[in-house]
PDB file of all heavy atoms in Angstrom:
ATOM      1  N   PRO A   1     105.552  99.167 105.832  1.00  0.00           N
ATOM      2  CA  PRO A   1     105.248 100.593 106.012  1.00  0.00           C
ATOM      3  C   PRO A   1     106.124 101.509 105.163  1.00  0.00           C
ATOM      4  O   PRO A   1     105.714 102.620 104.811  1.00  0.00           O
ATOM      5  CB  PRO A   1     105.498 100.814 107.511  1.00  0.00           C
ATOM      6  CG  PRO A   1     106.386  99.702 107.940  1.00  0.00           C
ATOM      7  CD  PRO A   1     106.034  98.537 107.077  1.00  0.00           C
ATOM      8  N   GLN A   2     107.339 101.079 104.826  1.00  0.00           N
ATOM      9  CA  GLN A   2     108.227 101.930 104.045  1.00  0.00           C
ATOM     10  C   GLN A   2     107.695 102.172 102.635  1.00  0.00           C
ATOM     11  O   GLN A   2     108.028 103.172 101.998  1.00  0.00           O
ATOM     12  CB  GLN A   2     109.637 101.337 103.984  1.00  0.00           C
ATOM     13  CG  GLN A   2     109.750  99.993 103.289  1.00  0.00           C
ATOM     14  CD  GLN A   2     109.519  98.841 104.247  1.00  0.00           C
ATOM     15  OE1 GLN A   2     108.882  99.016 105.283  1.00  0.00           O
ATOM     16  NE2 GLN A   2     110.026  97.672 103.898  1.00  0.00           N
ATOM     17  N   THR A   3     106.853 101.280 102.143  1.00  0.00           N
ATOM     18  CA  THR A   3     106.250 101.445 100.813  1.00  0.00           C
ATOM     19  C   THR A   3     104.728 101.515 100.878  1.00  0.00           C
ATOM     20  O   THR A   3     104.070 101.534  99.832  1.00  0.00           O
ATOM     21  CB  THR A   3     106.653 100.273  99.898  1.00  0.00           C
ATOM     22  OG1 THR A   3     106.245  99.029 100.504  1.00  0.00           O
ATOM     23  CG2 THR A   3     108.150 100.250  99.669  1.00  0.00           C
ATOM     24  N   ASN A   4     104.168 101.542 102.101  1.00  0.00           N
ATOM     25  CA  ASN A   4     102.706 101.572 102.278  1.00  0.00           C
ATOM     26  C   ASN A   4     102.021 100.475 101.459  1.00  0.00           C
ATOM     27  O   ASN A   4     101.041 100.706 100.753  1.00  0.00           O
ATOM     28  CB  ASN A   4     102.139 102.942 101.878  1.00  0.00           C
ATOM     29  CG  ASN A   4     102.607 104.053 102.788  1.00  0.00           C
ATOM     30  OD1 ASN A   4     102.709 103.874 104.001  1.00  0.00           O
ATOM     31  ND2 ASN A   4     102.932 105.197 102.204  1.00  0.00           N
ATOM     32  N   SER A   5     102.562  99.275 101.574  1.00  0.00           N
ATOM     33  CA  SER A   5     102.033  98.163 100.781  1.00  0.00           C
ATOM     34  C   SER A   5     101.861  96.924 101.647  1.00  0.00           C
ATOM     35  O   SER A   5     102.372  96.844 102.764  1.00  0.00           O
ATOM     36  CB  SER A   5     102.973  97.855  99.612  1.00  0.00           C
ATOM     37  OG  SER A   5     104.253  97.445 100.091  1.00  0.00           O
ATOM     38  N   LEU A   6     101.136  95.969 101.103  1.00  0.00           N
ATOM     39  CA  LEU A   6     100.910  94.686 101.748  1.00  0.00           C
ATOM     40  C   LEU A   6     101.471  93.581 100.874  1.00  0.00           C
ATOM     41  O   LEU A   6     101.333  93.613  99.641  1.00  0.00           O
ATOM     42  CB  LEU A   6      99.413  94.439 101.965  1.00  0.00           C
ATOM     43  CG  LEU A   6      98.697  95.316 102.988  1.00  0.00           C
ATOM     44  CD1 LEU A   6      97.186  95.138 102.855  1.00  0.00           C
ATOM     45  CD2 LEU A   6      99.143  94.974 104.407  1.00  0.00           C
ATOM     46  N   LEU A   7     102.113  92.608 101.504  1.00  0.00           N
ATOM     47  CA  LEU A   7     102.612  91.428 100.807  1.00  0.00           C
ATOM     48  C   LEU A   7     101.779  90.240 101.266  1.00  0.00           C
ATOM     49  O   LEU A   7     101.722  89.944 102.466  1.00  0.00           O
ATOM     50  CB  LEU A   7     104.091  91.206 101.110  1.00  0.00           C
ATOM     51  CG  LEU A   7     104.748  89.993 100.448  1.00  0.00           C
ATOM     52  CD1 LEU A   7     104.721  90.131  98.936  1.00  0.00           C
ATOM     53  CD2 LEU A   7     106.179  89.825 100.952  1.00  0.00           C
ATOM     54  N   LEU A   8     101.117  89.577 100.332  1.00  0.00           N
ATOM     55  CA  LEU A   8     100.271  88.436 100.637  1.00  0.00           C
ATOM     56  C   LEU A   8     100.952  87.156 100.176  1.00  0.00           C
ATOM     57  O   LEU A   8     101.371  87.058  99.014  1.00  0.00           O
ATOM     58  CB  LEU A   8      98.911  88.560  99.939  1.00  0.00           C
ATOM     59  CG  LEU A   8      98.119  89.853 100.114  1.00  0.00           C
ATOM     60  CD1 LEU A   8      96.769  89.740  99.396  1.00  0.00           C
ATOM     61  CD2 LEU A   8      97.923  90.175 101.584  1.00  0.00           C
ATOM     62  N   ALA A   9     101.077  86.194 101.073  1.00  0.00           N
ATOM     63  CA  ALA A   9     101.551  84.860 100.716  1.00  0.00           C
ATOM     64  C   ALA A   9     100.318  83.983 100.511  1.00  0.00           C
ATOM     65  O   ALA A   9      99.540  83.763 101.443  1.00  0.00           O
ATOM     66  CB  ALA A   9     102.445  84.292 101.805  1.00  0.00           C
ATOM     67  N   THR A  10     100.129  83.494  99.299  1.00  0.00           N
ATOM     68  CA  THR A  10      98.951  82.704  98.956  1.00  0.00           C
ATOM     69  C   THR A  10      99.379  81.357  98.400  1.00  0.00           C
ATOM     70  O   THR A  10     100.562  81.106  98.143  1.00  0.00           O
ATOM     71  CB  THR A  10      98.078  83.431  97.917  1.00  0.00           C
ATOM     72  OG1 THR A  10      98.681  83.307  96.616  1.00  0.00           O
ATOM     73  CG2 THR A  10      97.933  84.914  98.250  1.00  0.00           C
ATOM     74  N   ARG A  11      98.390  80.484  98.176  1.00  0.00           N
ATOM     75  CA  ARG A  11      98.694  79.176  97.594  1.00  0.00           C
ATOM     76  C   ARG A  11      99.100  79.295  96.131  1.00  0.00           C
ATOM     77  O   ARG A  11      99.612  78.333  95.551  1.00  0.00           O
ATOM     78  CB  ARG A  11      97.481  78.258  97.730  1.00  0.00           C
ATOM     79  CG  ARG A  11      97.070  77.983  99.181  1.00  0.00           C
ATOM     80  CD  ARG A  11      98.124  77.209  99.923  1.00  0.00           C
ATOM     81  NE  ARG A  11      97.847  77.134 101.340  1.00  0.00           N
ATOM     82  CZ  ARG A  11      97.178  76.145 101.929  1.00  0.00           C
ATOM     83  NH1 ARG A  11      96.696  75.156 101.203  1.00  0.00           N
ATOM     84  NH2 ARG A  11      96.986  76.149 103.238  1.00  0.00           N
ATOM     85  N   ALA A  12      98.875  80.474  95.529  1.00  0.00           N
ATOM     86  CA  ALA A  12      99.246  80.684  94.124  1.00  0.00           C
ATOM     87  C   ALA A  12     100.476  81.569  93.978  1.00  0.00           C
ATOM     88  O   ALA A  12     100.767  82.047  92.888  1.00  0.00           O
ATOM     89  CB  ALA A  12      98.076  81.309  93.362  1.00  0.00           C
ATOM     90  N   GLY A  13     101.198  81.829  95.080  1.00  0.00           N
ATOM     91  CA  GLY A  13     102.389  82.658  95.025  1.00  0.00           C
ATOM     92  C   GLY A  13     102.256  83.895  95.892  1.00  0.00           C
ATOM     93  O   GLY A  13     101.371  83.999  96.743  1.00  0.00           O
ATOM     94  N   PHE A  14     103.147  84.855  95.669  1.00  0.00           N
ATOM     95  CA  PHE A  14     103.204  86.067  96.479  1.00  0.00           C
ATOM     96  C   PHE A  14     102.655  87.250  95.671  1.00  0.00           C
ATOM     97  O   PHE A  14     102.984  87.415  94.493  1.00  0.00           O
ATOM     98  CB  PHE A  14     104.642  86.354  96.908  1.00  0.00           C
ATOM     99  CG  PHE A  14     105.236  85.279  97.776  1.00  0.00           C
ATOM    100  CD1 PHE A  14     105.886  84.183  97.209  1.00  0.00           C
ATOM    101  CD2 PHE A  14     105.144  85.341  99.154  1.00  0.00           C
ATOM    102  CE1 PHE A  14     106.431  83.188  97.998  1.00  0.00           C
ATOM    103  CE2 PHE A  14     105.690  84.354  99.954  1.00  0.00           C
ATOM    104  CZ  PHE A  14     106.323  83.266  99.371  1.00  0.00           C
ATOM    105  N   PHE A  15     101.834  88.086  96.342  1.00  0.00           N
ATOM    106  CA  PHE A  15     101.213  89.231  95.683  1.00  0.00           C
ATOM    107  C   PHE A  15     101.438  90.478  96.531  1.00  0.00           C
ATOM    108  O   PHE A  15     101.442  90.425  97.764  1.00  0.00           O
ATOM    109  CB  PHE A  15      99.716  89.009  95.491  1.00  0.00           C
ATOM    110  CG  PHE A  15      99.376  87.922  94.510  1.00  0.00           C
ATOM    111  CD1 PHE A  15      99.423  86.593  94.884  1.00  0.00           C
ATOM    112  CD2 PHE A  15      99.014  88.237  93.200  1.00  0.00           C
ATOM    113  CE1 PHE A  15      99.108  85.595  93.986  1.00  0.00           C
ATOM    114  CE2 PHE A  15      98.706  87.244  92.296  1.00  0.00           C
ATOM    115  CZ  PHE A  15      98.748  85.917  92.683  1.00  0.00           C
ATOM    116  N   SER A  16     101.590  91.618  95.847  1.00  0.00           N
ATOM    117  CA  SER A  16     101.807  92.892  96.537  1.00  0.00           C
ATOM    118  C   SER A  16     100.805  93.914  96.037  1.00  0.00           C
ATOM    119  O   SER A  16     100.427  93.930  94.862  1.00  0.00           O
ATOM    120  CB  SER A  16     103.232  93.398  96.283  1.00  0.00           C
ATOM    121  OG  SER A  16     103.441  94.642  96.921  1.00  0.00           O
ATOM    122  N   GLY A  17     100.366  94.805  96.975  1.00  0.00           N
ATOM    123  CA  GLY A  17      99.427  95.856  96.622  1.00  0.00           C
ATOM    124  C   GLY A  17      99.410  96.925  97.688  1.00  0.00           C
ATOM    125  O   GLY A  17      99.936  96.736  98.791  1.00  0.00           O
ATOM    126  N   PRO A  18      98.811  98.091  97.401  1.00  0.00           N
ATOM    127  CA  PRO A  18      98.778  99.186  98.376  1.00  0.00           C
ATOM    128  C   PRO A  18      97.935  98.827  99.591  1.00  0.00           C
ATOM    129  O   PRO A  18      96.955  98.079  99.479  1.00  0.00           O
ATOM    130  CB  PRO A  18      98.154 100.337  97.587  1.00  0.00           C
ATOM    131  CG  PRO A  18      97.374  99.679  96.504  1.00  0.00           C
ATOM    132  CD  PRO A  18      98.128  98.437  96.144  1.00  0.00           C
ATOM    133  N   ASP A  19      98.311  99.371 100.755  1.00  0.00           N
ATOM    134  CA  ASP A  19      97.600  99.014 101.978  1.00  0.00           C
ATOM    135  C   ASP A  19      96.244  99.698 102.103  1.00  0.00           C
ATOM    136  O   ASP A  19      95.510  99.452 103.060  1.00  0.00           O
ATOM    137  CB  ASP A  19      98.456  99.298 103.209  1.00  0.00           C
ATOM    138  CG  ASP A  19      98.903 100.756 103.300  1.00  0.00           C
ATOM    139  OD1 ASP A  19      98.276 101.618 102.653  1.00  0.00           O
ATOM    140  OD2 ASP A  19      99.885 101.034 104.016  1.00  0.00           O
ATOM    141  N   ASP A  20      95.893 100.574 101.128  1.00  0.00           N
ATOM    142  CA  ASP A  20      94.542 101.142 101.113  1.00  0.00           C
ATOM    143  C   ASP A  20      93.644 100.449 100.087  1.00  0.00           C
ATOM    144  O   ASP A  20      92.513 100.877  99.861  1.00  0.00           O
ATOM    145  CB  ASP A  20      94.592 102.644 100.824  1.00  0.00           C
ATOM    146  CG  ASP A  20      95.222 102.974  99.476  1.00  0.00           C
ATOM    147  OD1 ASP A  20      95.648 102.030  98.763  1.00  0.00           O
ATOM    148  OD2 ASP A  20      95.296 104.172  99.139  1.00  0.00           O
ATOM    149  N   PHE A  21      94.175  99.371  99.443  1.00  0.00           N
ATOM    150  CA  PHE A  21      93.423  98.538  98.506  1.00  0.00           C
ATOM    151  C   PHE A  21      92.926  99.348  97.306  1.00  0.00           C
ATOM    152  O   PHE A  21      91.919  98.997  96.679  1.00  0.00           O
ATOM    153  CB  PHE A  21      92.233  97.860  99.190  1.00  0.00           C
ATOM    154  CG  PHE A  21      92.606  96.996 100.357  1.00  0.00           C
ATOM    155  CD1 PHE A  21      92.707  97.522 101.623  1.00  0.00           C
ATOM    156  CD2 PHE A  21      92.871  95.649 100.175  1.00  0.00           C
ATOM    157  CE1 PHE A  21      93.064  96.733 102.708  1.00  0.00           C
ATOM    158  CE2 PHE A  21      93.227  94.838 101.237  1.00  0.00           C
ATOM    159  CZ  PHE A  21      93.325  95.390 102.507  1.00  0.00           C
ATOM    160  N   SER A  22      93.632 100.433  96.946  1.00  0.00           N
ATOM    161  CA  SER A  22      93.181 101.303  95.863  1.00  0.00           C
ATOM    162  C   SER A  22      93.396 100.694  94.488  1.00  0.00           C
ATOM    163  O   SER A  22      92.702 101.053  93.530  1.00  0.00           O
ATOM    164  CB  SER A  22      93.889 102.661  95.952  1.00  0.00           C
ATOM    165  OG  SER A  22      95.304 102.488  95.921  1.00  0.00           O
ATOM    166  N   THR A  23      94.367  99.776  94.369  1.00  0.00           N
ATOM    167  CA  THR A  23      94.619  99.097  93.102  1.00  0.00           C
ATOM    168  C   THR A  23      94.733  97.590  93.354  1.00  0.00           C
ATOM    169  O   THR A  23      94.995  97.159  94.479  1.00  0.00           O
ATOM    170  CB  THR A  23      95.916  99.605  92.435  1.00  0.00           C
ATOM    171  OG1 THR A  23      97.015  99.366  93.320  1.00  0.00           O
ATOM    172  CG2 THR A  23      95.818 101.096  92.134  1.00  0.00           C
ATOM    173  N   PRO A  24      94.551  96.778  92.318  1.00  0.00           N
ATOM    174  CA  PRO A  24      94.622  95.324  92.509  1.00  0.00           C
ATOM    175  C   PRO A  24      96.017  94.860  92.934  1.00  0.00           C
ATOM    176  O   PRO A  24      97.025  95.523  92.681  1.00  0.00           O
ATOM    177  CB  PRO A  24      94.254  94.772  91.127  1.00  0.00           C
ATOM    178  CG  PRO A  24      93.515  95.882  90.457  1.00  0.00           C
ATOM    179  CD  PRO A  24      94.118  97.152  90.963  1.00  0.00           C
ATOM    180  N   PHE A  25      96.059  93.710  93.569  1.00  0.00           N
ATOM    181  CA  PHE A  25      97.326  93.087  93.958  1.00  0.00           C
ATOM    182  C   PHE A  25      97.983  92.458  92.733  1.00  0.00           C
ATOM    183  O   PHE A  25      97.306  91.868  91.885  1.00  0.00           O
ATOM    184  CB  PHE A  25      97.097  92.038  95.034  1.00  0.00           C
ATOM    185  CG  PHE A  25      96.825  92.609  96.393  1.00  0.00           C
ATOM    186  CD1 PHE A  25      95.549  93.025  96.744  1.00  0.00           C
ATOM    187  CD2 PHE A  25      97.850  92.753  97.319  1.00  0.00           C
ATOM    188  CE1 PHE A  25      95.298  93.568  97.991  1.00  0.00           C
ATOM    189  CE2 PHE A  25      97.607  93.294  98.567  1.00  0.00           C
ATOM    190  CZ  PHE A  25      96.330  93.703  98.907  1.00  0.00           C
ATOM    191  N   VAL A  26      99.312  92.596  92.672  1.00  0.00           N
ATOM    192  CA  VAL A  26     100.085  92.118  91.530  1.00  0.00           C
ATOM    193  C   VAL A  26     101.037  91.026  92.002  1.00  0.00           C
ATOM    194  O   VAL A  26     101.649  91.144  93.076  1.00  0.00           O
ATOM    195  CB  VAL A  26     100.877  93.279  90.885  1.00  0.00           C
ATOM    196  CG1 VAL A  26     101.736  92.759  89.730  1.00  0.00           C
ATOM    197  CG2 VAL A  26      99.928  94.372  90.409  1.00  0.00           C
ATOM    198  N   LYS A  27     101.181  89.996  91.200  1.00  0.00           N
ATOM    199  CA  LYS A  27     102.053  88.874  91.569  1.00  0.00           C
ATOM    200  C   LYS A  27     103.514  89.281  91.494  1.00  0.00           C
ATOM    201  O   LYS A  27     103.941  89.956  90.555  1.00  0.00           O
ATOM    202  CB  LYS A  27     101.796  87.676  90.665  1.00  0.00           C
ATOM    203  CG  LYS A  27     102.473  86.398  91.145  1.00  0.00           C
ATOM    204  CD  LYS A  27     102.006  85.188  90.356  1.00  0.00           C
ATOM    205  CE  LYS A  27     102.594  83.914  90.930  1.00  0.00           C
ATOM    206  NZ  LYS A  27     102.120  82.707  90.208  1.00  0.00           N
ATOM    207  N   LEU A  28     104.294  88.864  92.497  1.00  0.00           N
ATOM    208  CA  LEU A  28     105.723  89.150  92.554  1.00  0.00           C
ATOM    209  C   LEU A  28     106.535  87.889  92.267  1.00  0.00           C
ATOM    210  O   LEU A  28     106.165  86.795  92.719  1.00  0.00           O
ATOM    211  CB  LEU A  28     106.112  89.687  93.933  1.00  0.00           C
ATOM    212  CG  LEU A  28     105.520  91.034  94.361  1.00  0.00           C
ATOM    213  CD1 LEU A  28     106.060  91.414  95.737  1.00  0.00           C
ATOM    214  CD2 LEU A  28     105.861  92.121  93.355  1.00  0.00           C
ATOM    215  N   PRO A  29     107.661  88.035  91.564  1.00  0.00           N
ATOM    216  CA  PRO A  29     108.505  86.857  91.270  1.00  0.00           C
ATOM    217  C   PRO A  29     109.439  86.530  92.430  1.00  0.00           C
ATOM    218  O   PRO A  29     110.665  86.589  92.306  1.00  0.00           O
ATOM    219  CB  PRO A  29     109.277  87.304  90.031  1.00  0.00           C
ATOM    220  CG  PRO A  29     109.411  88.787  90.201  1.00  0.00           C
ATOM    221  CD  PRO A  29     108.136  89.254  90.870  1.00  0.00           C
ATOM    222  N   ILE A  30     108.860  86.193  93.582  1.00  0.00           N
ATOM    223  CA  ILE A  30     109.686  85.840  94.740  1.00  0.00           C
ATOM    224  C   ILE A  30     110.106  84.379  94.617  1.00  0.00           C
ATOM    225  O   ILE A  30     109.254  83.476  94.598  1.00  0.00           O
ATOM    226  CB  ILE A  30     108.918  86.083  96.054  1.00  0.00           C
ATOM    227  CG1 ILE A  30     108.618  87.573  96.214  1.00  0.00           C
ATOM    228  CG2 ILE A  30     109.708  85.570  97.247  1.00  0.00           C
ATOM    229  CD1 ILE A  30     107.865  87.927  97.483  1.00  0.00           C
ATOM    230  N   ASN A  31     111.406  84.152  94.519  1.00  0.00           N
ATOM    231  CA  ASN A  31     111.928  82.812  94.239  1.00  0.00           C
ATOM    232  C   ASN A  31     112.197  82.035  95.516  1.00  0.00           C
ATOM    233  O   ASN A  31     113.282  81.484  95.708  1.00  0.00           O
ATOM    234  CB  ASN A  31     113.212  82.918  93.405  1.00  0.00           C
ATOM    235  CG  ASN A  31     114.281  83.752  94.112  1.00  0.00           C
ATOM    236  OD1 ASN A  31     113.960  84.554  94.977  1.00  0.00           O
ATOM    237  ND2 ASN A  31     115.532  83.547  93.739  1.00  0.00           N
ATOM    238  N   VAL A  32     111.208  81.977  96.404  1.00  0.00           N
ATOM    239  CA  VAL A  32     111.338  81.214  97.641  1.00  0.00           C
ATOM    240  C   VAL A  32     110.496  79.951  97.526  1.00  0.00           C
ATOM    241  O   VAL A  32     109.280  80.034  97.327  1.00  0.00           O
ATOM    242  CB  VAL A  32     110.869  82.039  98.857  1.00  0.00           C
ATOM    243  CG1 VAL A  32     110.859  81.180 100.110  1.00  0.00           C
ATOM    244  CG2 VAL A  32     111.767  83.246  99.049  1.00  0.00           C
TER     245      VAL A  32
END
């Protein structure tokens, strides 16, 4: 909520995007 975004954990890595789906999700370099 602090950034109004969603973080998706997928089989291809982690992706972030706005919670209103206004722009595509972008892959994040999360080293977990």
